[in-house]
N, C-alpha and C. Protein backbone atom coordinates (compact mmCIF):
# COMPACT_ATOMS: atom_id res chain seq x y z
N GLN A 1 -41.62 -42.33 156.71
CA GLN A 1 -40.54 -42.10 157.66
C GLN A 1 -40.85 -40.86 158.49
N ALA A 2 -40.05 -40.65 159.50
CA ALA A 2 -40.23 -39.51 160.38
C ALA A 2 -39.95 -38.20 159.64
N ARG A 3 -40.82 -37.23 159.84
CA ARG A 3 -40.66 -35.92 159.22
C ARG A 3 -41.04 -34.83 160.21
N LEU A 4 -40.32 -33.72 160.14
CA LEU A 4 -40.62 -32.54 160.93
C LEU A 4 -40.88 -31.39 159.96
N VAL A 5 -42.06 -30.78 160.06
CA VAL A 5 -42.45 -29.70 159.18
C VAL A 5 -42.56 -28.42 159.99
N GLU A 6 -41.72 -27.44 159.66
CA GLU A 6 -41.65 -26.21 160.41
C GLU A 6 -42.39 -25.09 159.70
N SER A 7 -42.87 -24.13 160.48
CA SER A 7 -43.55 -22.97 159.95
C SER A 7 -43.45 -21.83 160.95
N GLY A 8 -43.87 -20.65 160.55
CA GLY A 8 -43.91 -19.50 161.43
C GLY A 8 -42.82 -18.49 161.21
N GLY A 9 -41.85 -18.82 160.38
CA GLY A 9 -40.79 -17.87 160.09
C GLY A 9 -41.28 -16.77 159.17
N GLY A 10 -40.44 -15.78 158.98
CA GLY A 10 -40.79 -14.66 158.12
C GLY A 10 -40.08 -13.40 158.54
N LEU A 11 -40.61 -12.27 158.08
CA LEU A 11 -40.04 -10.96 158.37
C LEU A 11 -40.68 -10.37 159.61
N VAL A 12 -39.87 -9.89 160.52
CA VAL A 12 -40.35 -9.26 161.75
C VAL A 12 -39.47 -8.06 162.07
N GLN A 13 -40.08 -7.02 162.63
CA GLN A 13 -39.33 -5.81 162.97
C GLN A 13 -38.56 -5.99 164.26
N PRO A 14 -37.46 -5.27 164.43
CA PRO A 14 -36.73 -5.33 165.70
C PRO A 14 -37.64 -5.02 166.88
N GLY A 15 -37.50 -5.80 167.95
CA GLY A 15 -38.35 -5.66 169.12
C GLY A 15 -39.62 -6.46 169.05
N GLY A 16 -39.91 -7.05 167.90
CA GLY A 16 -41.12 -7.82 167.72
C GLY A 16 -41.00 -9.24 168.23
N SER A 17 -42.09 -9.99 168.07
CA SER A 17 -42.17 -11.37 168.54
C SER A 17 -42.58 -12.29 167.40
N LEU A 18 -42.24 -13.57 167.56
CA LEU A 18 -42.56 -14.57 166.56
C LEU A 18 -42.65 -15.92 167.25
N ARG A 19 -43.58 -16.77 166.81
CA ARG A 19 -43.67 -18.13 167.32
C ARG A 19 -43.49 -19.12 166.19
N LEU A 20 -42.47 -19.95 166.31
CA LEU A 20 -42.20 -21.00 165.34
C LEU A 20 -42.89 -22.29 165.76
N SER A 21 -43.37 -23.05 164.78
CA SER A 21 -44.02 -24.33 165.03
C SER A 21 -43.31 -25.44 164.28
N CYS A 22 -43.33 -26.63 164.86
CA CYS A 22 -42.73 -27.81 164.25
C CYS A 22 -43.66 -28.99 164.46
N VAL A 23 -44.34 -29.41 163.39
CA VAL A 23 -45.28 -30.52 163.45
C VAL A 23 -44.55 -31.81 163.09
N ALA A 24 -44.61 -32.79 163.98
CA ALA A 24 -43.89 -34.04 163.79
C ALA A 24 -44.81 -35.13 163.26
N SER A 25 -44.28 -35.93 162.33
CA SER A 25 -44.96 -37.10 161.81
C SER A 25 -44.00 -38.28 161.86
N GLY A 26 -44.49 -39.44 162.30
CA GLY A 26 -43.64 -40.62 162.39
C GLY A 26 -42.73 -40.64 163.60
N ILE A 27 -42.80 -39.63 164.42
CA ILE A 27 -42.07 -39.55 165.67
C ILE A 27 -42.89 -38.70 166.62
N SER A 28 -42.85 -39.04 167.90
CA SER A 28 -43.69 -38.39 168.88
C SER A 28 -42.90 -37.41 169.73
N VAL A 29 -43.51 -36.26 170.05
CA VAL A 29 -42.91 -35.32 170.99
C VAL A 29 -42.97 -35.89 172.41
N ASN A 30 -43.86 -36.84 172.62
CA ASN A 30 -43.98 -37.49 173.92
C ASN A 30 -42.94 -38.61 174.02
N GLY A 31 -42.01 -38.46 174.94
CA GLY A 31 -40.98 -39.46 175.13
C GLY A 31 -39.67 -39.18 174.42
N ASN A 32 -39.58 -38.02 173.77
CA ASN A 32 -38.36 -37.63 173.08
C ASN A 32 -37.88 -36.27 173.57
N HIS A 33 -36.57 -36.08 173.55
CA HIS A 33 -36.05 -34.75 173.82
C HIS A 33 -36.21 -33.88 172.57
N MET A 34 -36.32 -32.58 172.78
CA MET A 34 -36.61 -31.64 171.70
C MET A 34 -35.69 -30.44 171.81
N ALA A 35 -35.44 -29.81 170.67
CA ALA A 35 -34.56 -28.65 170.67
C ALA A 35 -34.82 -27.78 169.45
N TRP A 36 -34.42 -26.53 169.58
CA TRP A 36 -34.35 -25.60 168.46
C TRP A 36 -32.91 -25.12 168.34
N HIS A 37 -32.40 -25.16 167.12
CA HIS A 37 -31.09 -24.62 166.79
C HIS A 37 -31.27 -23.56 165.72
N ARG A 38 -30.25 -22.73 165.55
CA ARG A 38 -30.29 -21.76 164.47
C ARG A 38 -28.92 -21.66 163.81
N GLN A 39 -28.93 -21.22 162.56
CA GLN A 39 -27.70 -21.02 161.82
C GLN A 39 -27.74 -19.65 161.17
N VAL A 40 -26.89 -18.77 161.65
CA VAL A 40 -26.69 -17.47 161.02
C VAL A 40 -25.82 -17.68 159.80
N GLN A 41 -26.10 -16.97 158.73
CA GLN A 41 -25.37 -17.15 157.47
C GLN A 41 -23.87 -17.01 157.70
N GLY A 42 -23.13 -18.03 157.25
CA GLY A 42 -21.69 -18.02 157.38
C GLY A 42 -21.16 -18.48 158.72
N LYS A 43 -22.04 -18.88 159.63
CA LYS A 43 -21.63 -19.30 160.96
C LYS A 43 -22.11 -20.72 161.25
N GLU A 44 -21.62 -21.29 162.34
CA GLU A 44 -21.98 -22.65 162.72
C GLU A 44 -23.36 -22.68 163.37
N MET A 45 -23.93 -23.88 163.38
CA MET A 45 -25.19 -24.09 164.09
C MET A 45 -24.99 -23.82 165.57
N GLU A 46 -25.99 -23.22 166.20
CA GLU A 46 -25.93 -22.97 167.63
C GLU A 46 -27.25 -23.34 168.29
N LEU A 47 -27.16 -23.78 169.53
CA LEU A 47 -28.34 -24.16 170.29
C LEU A 47 -29.09 -22.92 170.74
N VAL A 48 -30.41 -22.93 170.54
CA VAL A 48 -31.28 -21.88 171.04
C VAL A 48 -32.01 -22.35 172.29
N ALA A 49 -32.62 -23.53 172.21
CA ALA A 49 -33.40 -24.04 173.34
C ALA A 49 -33.44 -25.56 173.30
N PHE A 50 -33.48 -26.18 174.47
CA PHE A 50 -33.51 -27.63 174.60
C PHE A 50 -34.50 -28.00 175.69
N MET A 51 -35.26 -29.05 175.46
CA MET A 51 -36.16 -29.58 176.48
C MET A 51 -35.98 -31.09 176.57
N SER A 52 -35.66 -31.56 177.77
CA SER A 52 -35.42 -32.98 177.99
C SER A 52 -36.73 -33.75 178.01
N ARG A 53 -36.62 -35.07 178.07
CA ARG A 53 -37.80 -35.93 178.12
C ARG A 53 -38.62 -35.70 179.38
N SER A 54 -37.98 -35.23 180.43
CA SER A 54 -38.67 -34.94 181.67
C SER A 54 -39.28 -33.55 181.70
N GLY A 55 -39.00 -32.73 180.68
CA GLY A 55 -39.55 -31.39 180.61
C GLY A 55 -38.62 -30.29 181.07
N THR A 56 -37.41 -30.64 181.47
CA THR A 56 -36.44 -29.63 181.89
C THR A 56 -35.94 -28.84 180.69
N LYS A 57 -35.91 -27.52 180.82
CA LYS A 57 -35.55 -26.64 179.71
C LYS A 57 -34.19 -25.99 179.94
N THR A 58 -33.42 -25.92 178.86
CA THR A 58 -32.12 -25.27 178.87
C THR A 58 -32.03 -24.36 177.66
N TYR A 59 -31.43 -23.17 177.85
CA TYR A 59 -31.37 -22.19 176.77
C TYR A 59 -29.93 -21.79 176.49
N GLY A 60 -29.65 -21.59 175.22
CA GLY A 60 -28.36 -21.06 174.84
C GLY A 60 -28.24 -19.59 175.20
N ASP A 61 -27.01 -19.10 175.24
CA ASP A 61 -26.78 -17.73 175.67
C ASP A 61 -27.37 -16.70 174.70
N SER A 62 -27.43 -17.02 173.43
CA SER A 62 -27.81 -16.05 172.42
C SER A 62 -29.22 -15.50 172.62
N MET A 63 -30.15 -16.35 173.04
CA MET A 63 -31.53 -15.92 173.21
C MET A 63 -32.09 -16.23 174.58
N LYS A 64 -31.21 -16.42 175.54
CA LYS A 64 -31.65 -16.68 176.91
C LYS A 64 -32.45 -15.49 177.43
N GLY A 65 -33.62 -15.77 177.97
CA GLY A 65 -34.50 -14.72 178.47
C GLY A 65 -35.40 -14.13 177.41
N ARG A 66 -35.19 -14.48 176.15
CA ARG A 66 -36.00 -13.95 175.05
C ARG A 66 -36.69 -15.06 174.27
N SER A 67 -36.55 -16.30 174.70
CA SER A 67 -37.16 -17.42 173.99
C SER A 67 -37.71 -18.44 174.98
N THR A 68 -38.73 -19.17 174.53
CA THR A 68 -39.35 -20.21 175.35
C THR A 68 -39.70 -21.40 174.47
N ILE A 69 -39.23 -22.59 174.83
CA ILE A 69 -39.58 -23.80 174.12
C ILE A 69 -40.74 -24.48 174.84
N SER A 70 -41.67 -25.02 174.07
CA SER A 70 -42.82 -25.72 174.63
C SER A 70 -43.29 -26.78 173.65
N ALA A 71 -44.18 -27.66 174.10
CA ALA A 71 -44.70 -28.73 173.26
C ALA A 71 -46.16 -28.97 173.56
N ASP A 72 -46.90 -29.37 172.53
CA ASP A 72 -48.29 -29.76 172.64
C ASP A 72 -48.38 -31.21 172.21
N VAL A 73 -48.56 -32.10 173.18
CA VAL A 73 -48.57 -33.53 172.88
C VAL A 73 -49.75 -33.90 171.97
N GLY A 74 -50.91 -33.30 172.22
CA GLY A 74 -52.09 -33.59 171.42
C GLY A 74 -51.91 -33.25 169.95
N ARG A 75 -51.22 -32.16 169.67
CA ARG A 75 -50.95 -31.75 168.29
C ARG A 75 -49.62 -32.30 167.77
N ASN A 76 -48.87 -33.01 168.63
CA ASN A 76 -47.56 -33.54 168.27
C ASN A 76 -46.68 -32.43 167.67
N THR A 77 -46.65 -31.30 168.35
CA THR A 77 -46.00 -30.10 167.85
C THR A 77 -45.12 -29.48 168.93
N VAL A 78 -43.96 -29.00 168.52
CA VAL A 78 -43.07 -28.26 169.41
C VAL A 78 -43.02 -26.81 168.93
N TYR A 79 -42.92 -25.87 169.87
CA TYR A 79 -42.95 -24.46 169.57
C TYR A 79 -41.71 -23.75 170.10
N LEU A 80 -41.39 -22.65 169.47
CA LEU A 80 -40.39 -21.73 169.99
C LEU A 80 -40.96 -20.32 169.95
N GLN A 81 -41.24 -19.76 171.11
CA GLN A 81 -41.70 -18.39 171.22
C GLN A 81 -40.49 -17.48 171.35
N MET A 82 -40.40 -16.47 170.48
CA MET A 82 -39.27 -15.55 170.48
C MET A 82 -39.78 -14.13 170.67
N ASP A 83 -39.15 -13.40 171.58
CA ASP A 83 -39.55 -12.04 171.90
C ASP A 83 -38.34 -11.11 171.85
N SER A 84 -38.62 -9.81 171.78
CA SER A 84 -37.57 -8.79 171.76
C SER A 84 -36.50 -9.11 170.73
N LEU A 85 -36.93 -9.41 169.52
CA LEU A 85 -36.02 -9.86 168.48
C LEU A 85 -35.07 -8.74 168.05
N LYS A 86 -33.85 -9.14 167.73
CA LYS A 86 -32.79 -8.23 167.33
C LYS A 86 -32.32 -8.55 165.92
N PHE A 87 -31.60 -7.60 165.32
CA PHE A 87 -31.06 -7.82 163.98
C PHE A 87 -30.24 -9.11 163.92
N GLU A 88 -29.46 -9.38 164.95
CA GLU A 88 -28.57 -10.53 164.96
C GLU A 88 -29.30 -11.86 165.13
N ASP A 89 -30.62 -11.83 165.34
CA ASP A 89 -31.40 -13.05 165.40
C ASP A 89 -31.78 -13.57 164.02
N THR A 90 -31.46 -12.82 162.99
CA THR A 90 -31.71 -13.25 161.62
C THR A 90 -30.95 -14.54 161.35
N ALA A 91 -31.67 -15.61 161.00
CA ALA A 91 -31.07 -16.93 160.83
C ALA A 91 -32.11 -17.91 160.32
N VAL A 92 -31.65 -19.10 159.96
CA VAL A 92 -32.54 -20.22 159.71
C VAL A 92 -32.65 -21.02 160.99
N TYR A 93 -33.87 -21.26 161.44
CA TYR A 93 -34.12 -21.96 162.69
C TYR A 93 -34.57 -23.38 162.40
N PHE A 94 -33.94 -24.36 163.07
CA PHE A 94 -34.17 -25.78 162.84
C PHE A 94 -34.76 -26.45 164.07
N CYS A 95 -35.76 -27.29 163.83
CA CYS A 95 -36.36 -28.10 164.88
C CYS A 95 -35.65 -29.45 164.95
N PHE A 96 -35.51 -29.99 166.16
CA PHE A 96 -34.89 -31.29 166.39
C PHE A 96 -35.72 -32.06 167.39
N ILE A 97 -36.11 -33.28 167.03
CA ILE A 97 -36.87 -34.15 167.92
C ILE A 97 -36.31 -35.56 167.84
N GLY A 98 -35.74 -36.04 168.93
CA GLY A 98 -35.32 -37.43 169.05
C GLY A 98 -34.46 -37.93 167.91
N GLY A 99 -33.53 -37.14 167.42
CA GLY A 99 -32.62 -37.56 166.36
C GLY A 99 -33.02 -37.14 164.97
N CYS A 100 -34.19 -36.50 164.81
CA CYS A 100 -34.66 -36.06 163.51
C CYS A 100 -34.60 -34.54 163.42
N TRP A 101 -34.26 -34.05 162.24
CA TRP A 101 -34.16 -32.62 161.98
C TRP A 101 -35.24 -32.15 161.02
N GLY A 102 -35.73 -30.94 161.26
CA GLY A 102 -36.62 -30.30 160.32
C GLY A 102 -35.85 -29.65 159.19
N GLN A 103 -36.57 -29.10 158.23
CA GLN A 103 -35.95 -28.48 157.07
C GLN A 103 -35.47 -27.07 157.34
N GLY A 104 -35.92 -26.48 158.42
CA GLY A 104 -35.56 -25.12 158.78
C GLY A 104 -36.58 -24.11 158.31
N THR A 105 -36.75 -23.04 159.08
CA THR A 105 -37.60 -21.93 158.69
C THR A 105 -36.82 -20.64 158.89
N ARG A 106 -36.89 -19.76 157.91
CA ARG A 106 -36.07 -18.57 157.90
C ARG A 106 -36.74 -17.42 158.66
N VAL A 107 -35.97 -16.78 159.52
CA VAL A 107 -36.41 -15.61 160.26
C VAL A 107 -35.53 -14.43 159.88
N THR A 108 -36.15 -13.34 159.47
CA THR A 108 -35.43 -12.13 159.12
C THR A 108 -35.92 -10.99 159.99
N VAL A 109 -35.03 -10.40 160.75
CA VAL A 109 -35.36 -9.27 161.62
C VAL A 109 -34.84 -8.01 160.95
N SER A 110 -35.73 -7.17 160.52
CA SER A 110 -35.36 -5.98 159.76
C SER A 110 -36.49 -4.97 159.81
N PRO A 111 -36.16 -3.66 159.83
CA PRO A 111 -37.20 -2.64 159.75
C PRO A 111 -37.82 -2.55 158.36
C-alpha cells in the first residue's frame, strides 16, 4: 500500500535551518497535490505549506517567508526547507501526498 516515510527532523538551535524529506512509495509526487502540516503539542494540526498539482505554492501564516516546499519527481520525494527557526516551531511535522499521510517527524528548536 501507499506509504510516506519522513526524515530530517531533530534538534536545531534558534535561527538555524532544517530540511525535511518525505519519500513516497505506492503513490507518486507527480500528479498529486502535496503539503506539510505540523502539530504543536496540545494544539490542532496547522498547514505549513501546500503545492498544487500544477506547482502553485501556498504557505500558512506561521512559517510564511521561512519555509519552502519542493519536490523531486525522480526521487519521488517532497521536501520542506525551513529557515530562521524559532522556539515556537517545535512540533511534529507531517507529510501529505494525494490523500496519504506520513508518520511525522519531530522538530525541536532549542539552545
